[in-house]
C-alpha atoms as a PDB file:
ATOM      1  CA  MET A   1      20.957 -25.613   8.786  1.00  0.00           C
ATOM      2  CA  ARG A   2      18.384 -26.754   6.295  1.00  0.00           C
ATOM      3  CA  LYS A   3      19.059 -28.373   2.965  1.00  0.00           C
ATOM      4  CA  LEU A   4      19.580 -26.031  -0.008  1.00  0.00           C
ATOM      5  CA  LEU A   5      17.050 -26.383  -2.792  1.00  0.00           C
ATOM      6  CA  LEU A   6      18.067 -27.336  -6.318  1.00  0.00           C
ATOM      7  CA  GLY A   7      16.525 -27.329  -9.787  1.00  0.00           C
ATOM      8  CA  GLU A   8      12.780 -26.896 -10.095  1.00  0.00           C
ATOM      9  CA  GLU A   9      12.228 -26.656  -6.316  1.00  0.00           C
ATOM     10  CA  LEU A  10      14.721 -23.793  -6.182  1.00  0.00           C
ATOM     11  CA  GLU A  11      13.096 -22.036  -9.128  1.00  0.00           C
ATOM     12  CA  LYS A  12       9.622 -22.443  -7.566  1.00  0.00           C
ATOM     13  CA  ARG A  13      10.796 -21.001  -4.206  1.00  0.00           C
ATOM     14  CA  ALA A  14      12.487 -18.093  -5.999  1.00  0.00           C
ATOM     15  CA  LEU A  15       9.271 -17.275  -7.828  1.00  0.00           C
ATOM     16  CA  GLU A  16       7.290 -17.473  -4.543  1.00  0.00           C
ATOM     17  CA  LEU A  17       9.649 -14.915  -3.023  1.00  0.00           C
ATOM     18  CA  GLY A  18       9.571 -12.690  -6.106  1.00  0.00           C
ATOM     19  CA  VAL A  19      13.268 -13.241  -6.838  1.00  0.00           C
ATOM     20  CA  ASP A  20      14.547 -12.612 -10.370  1.00  0.00           C
ATOM     21  CA  ILE A  21      15.480 -15.987 -11.836  1.00  0.00           C
ATOM     22  CA  GLN A  22      17.074 -14.663 -15.009  1.00  0.00           C
ATOM     23  CA  GLY A  23      20.800 -14.911 -15.503  1.00  0.00           C
ATOM     24  CA  PRO A  24      23.041 -12.202 -16.895  1.00  0.00           C
ATOM     25  CA  PRO A  25      21.816 -10.684 -20.181  1.00  0.00           C
ATOM     26  CA  ARG A  26      23.224 -12.028 -23.434  1.00  0.00           C
ATOM     27  CA  THR A  27      24.211  -9.299 -25.867  1.00  0.00           C
ATOM     28  CA  GLN A  28      24.103 -11.690 -28.830  1.00  0.00           C
ATOM     29  CA  SER A  29      20.562 -12.859 -28.026  1.00  0.00           C
ATOM     30  CA  VAL A  30      18.099 -11.998 -30.767  1.00  0.00           C
ATOM     31  CA  SER A  31      15.084 -12.465 -28.509  1.00  0.00           C
ATOM     32  CA  GLY A  32      16.627 -10.477 -25.672  1.00  0.00           C
ATOM     33  CA  ARG A  33      15.791 -13.236 -23.189  1.00  0.00           C
ATOM     34  CA  SER A  34      18.336 -14.374 -20.672  1.00  0.00           C
ATOM     35  CA  PRO A  35      18.836 -17.968 -19.579  1.00  0.00           C
ATOM     36  CA  ARG A  36      17.876 -18.933 -16.043  1.00  0.00           C
ATOM     37  CA  ALA A  37      20.557 -18.129 -13.486  1.00  0.00           C
ATOM     38  CA  ASP A  38      22.594 -21.107 -12.330  1.00  0.00           C
ATOM     39  CA  ASP A  39      21.643 -22.837  -9.072  1.00  0.00           C
ATOM     40  CA  ASN A  40      24.443 -21.227  -7.047  1.00  0.00           C
ATOM     41  CA  GLU A  41      23.380 -17.715  -8.011  1.00  0.00           C
ATOM     42  CA  LEU A  42      19.707 -18.508  -7.501  1.00  0.00           C
ATOM     43  CA  GLN A  43      20.440 -20.007  -4.062  1.00  0.00           C
ATOM     44  CA  LYS A  44      22.226 -16.773  -3.089  1.00  0.00           C
ATOM     45  CA  ARG A  45      19.248 -14.711  -4.239  1.00  0.00           C
ATOM     46  CA  VAL A  46      16.720 -16.909  -2.427  1.00  0.00           C
ATOM     47  CA  LEU A  47      18.739 -16.927   0.808  1.00  0.00           C
ATOM     48  CA  GLU A  48      19.088 -13.127   0.667  1.00  0.00           C
ATOM     49  CA  ALA A  49      15.331 -12.710   0.110  1.00  0.00           C
ATOM     50  CA  GLU A  50      14.532 -15.051   3.009  1.00  0.00           C
ATOM     51  CA  ARG A  51      17.023 -13.207   5.226  1.00  0.00           C
ATOM     52  CA  SER A  52      15.410  -9.889   4.338  1.00  0.00           C
ATOM     53  CA  ILE A  53      11.935 -11.188   5.225  1.00  0.00           C
ATOM     54  CA  ARG A  54      13.246 -12.591   8.525  1.00  0.00           C
ATOM     55  CA  ASP A  55      14.953  -9.272   9.370  1.00  0.00           C
ATOM     56  CA  GLN A  56      11.735  -7.356   8.715  1.00  0.00           C
ATOM     57  CA  ARG A  57       9.819  -9.636  11.064  1.00  0.00           C
ATOM     58  CA  LEU A  58      12.460  -9.304  13.797  1.00  0.00           C
ATOM     59  CA  TRP A  59      12.406  -5.522  13.442  1.00  0.00           C
ATOM     60  CA  LEU A  60       8.635  -5.519  13.948  1.00  0.00           C
ATOM     61  CA  ILE A  61       8.973  -7.706  17.050  1.00  0.00           C
ATOM     62  CA  ALA A  62      11.633  -5.342  18.440  1.00  0.00           C
ATOM     63  CA  VAL A  63       9.379  -2.307  17.928  1.00  0.00           C
ATOM     64  CA  ILE A  64       6.417  -4.029  19.595  1.00  0.00           C
ATOM     65  CA  SER A  65       8.661  -5.025  22.496  1.00  0.00           C
ATOM     66  CA  ALA A  66       9.901  -1.465  22.919  1.00  0.00           C
ATOM     67  CA  ILE A  67       6.348  -0.116  22.931  1.00  0.00           C
ATOM     68  CA  ALA A  68       5.324  -2.709  25.528  1.00  0.00           C
ATOM     69  CA  SER A  69       8.262  -1.660  27.712  1.00  0.00           C
ATOM     70  CA  VAL A  70       7.263   2.015  27.555  1.00  0.00           C
ATOM     71  CA  VAL A  71       3.648   1.169  28.415  1.00  0.00           C
ATOM     72  CA  SER A  72       4.803  -0.996  31.309  1.00  0.00           C
ATOM     73  CA  ALA A  73       7.075   1.743  32.653  1.00  0.00           C
ATOM     74  CA  ALA A  74       4.301   4.342  32.347  1.00  0.00           C
ATOM     75  CA  THR A  75       1.869   2.057  34.154  1.00  0.00           C
ATOM     76  CA  ALA A  76       4.354   1.471  36.975  1.00  0.00           C
ATOM     77  CA  LEU A  77       4.979   5.217  37.287  1.00  0.00           C
ATOM     78  CA  VAL A  78       1.248   5.945  37.462  1.00  0.00           C
ATOM     79  CA  ALA A  79       0.806   3.213  40.080  1.00  0.00           C
ATOM     80  CA  VAL A  80       3.583   4.695  42.228  1.00  0.00           C
ATOM     81  CA  LEU A  81       2.256   8.261  41.895  1.00  0.00           C
ATOM     82  CA  LEU A  82      -1.316   7.283  42.801  1.00  0.00           C
ATOM     83  CA  LYS A  83      -0.339   5.219  45.818  1.00  0.00           C
END
């Protein structure tokens, strides 16, 4: 397992992944801005985003593999029928 990022490195990775880095909204805030989420929450968000990206890639590999299997089976069937 790789080392979890902290501080500015964590914030930079979150921004690269398009993860929201804002913490919970403050109702008393005049500006309406929220503070940055704490490192634990940001780590959860970054890990979930990375997991989602990894799952999408694996799904694509599974689909390509299934298509290759169908093509292989069809080719074998044609070879047997033409023999």
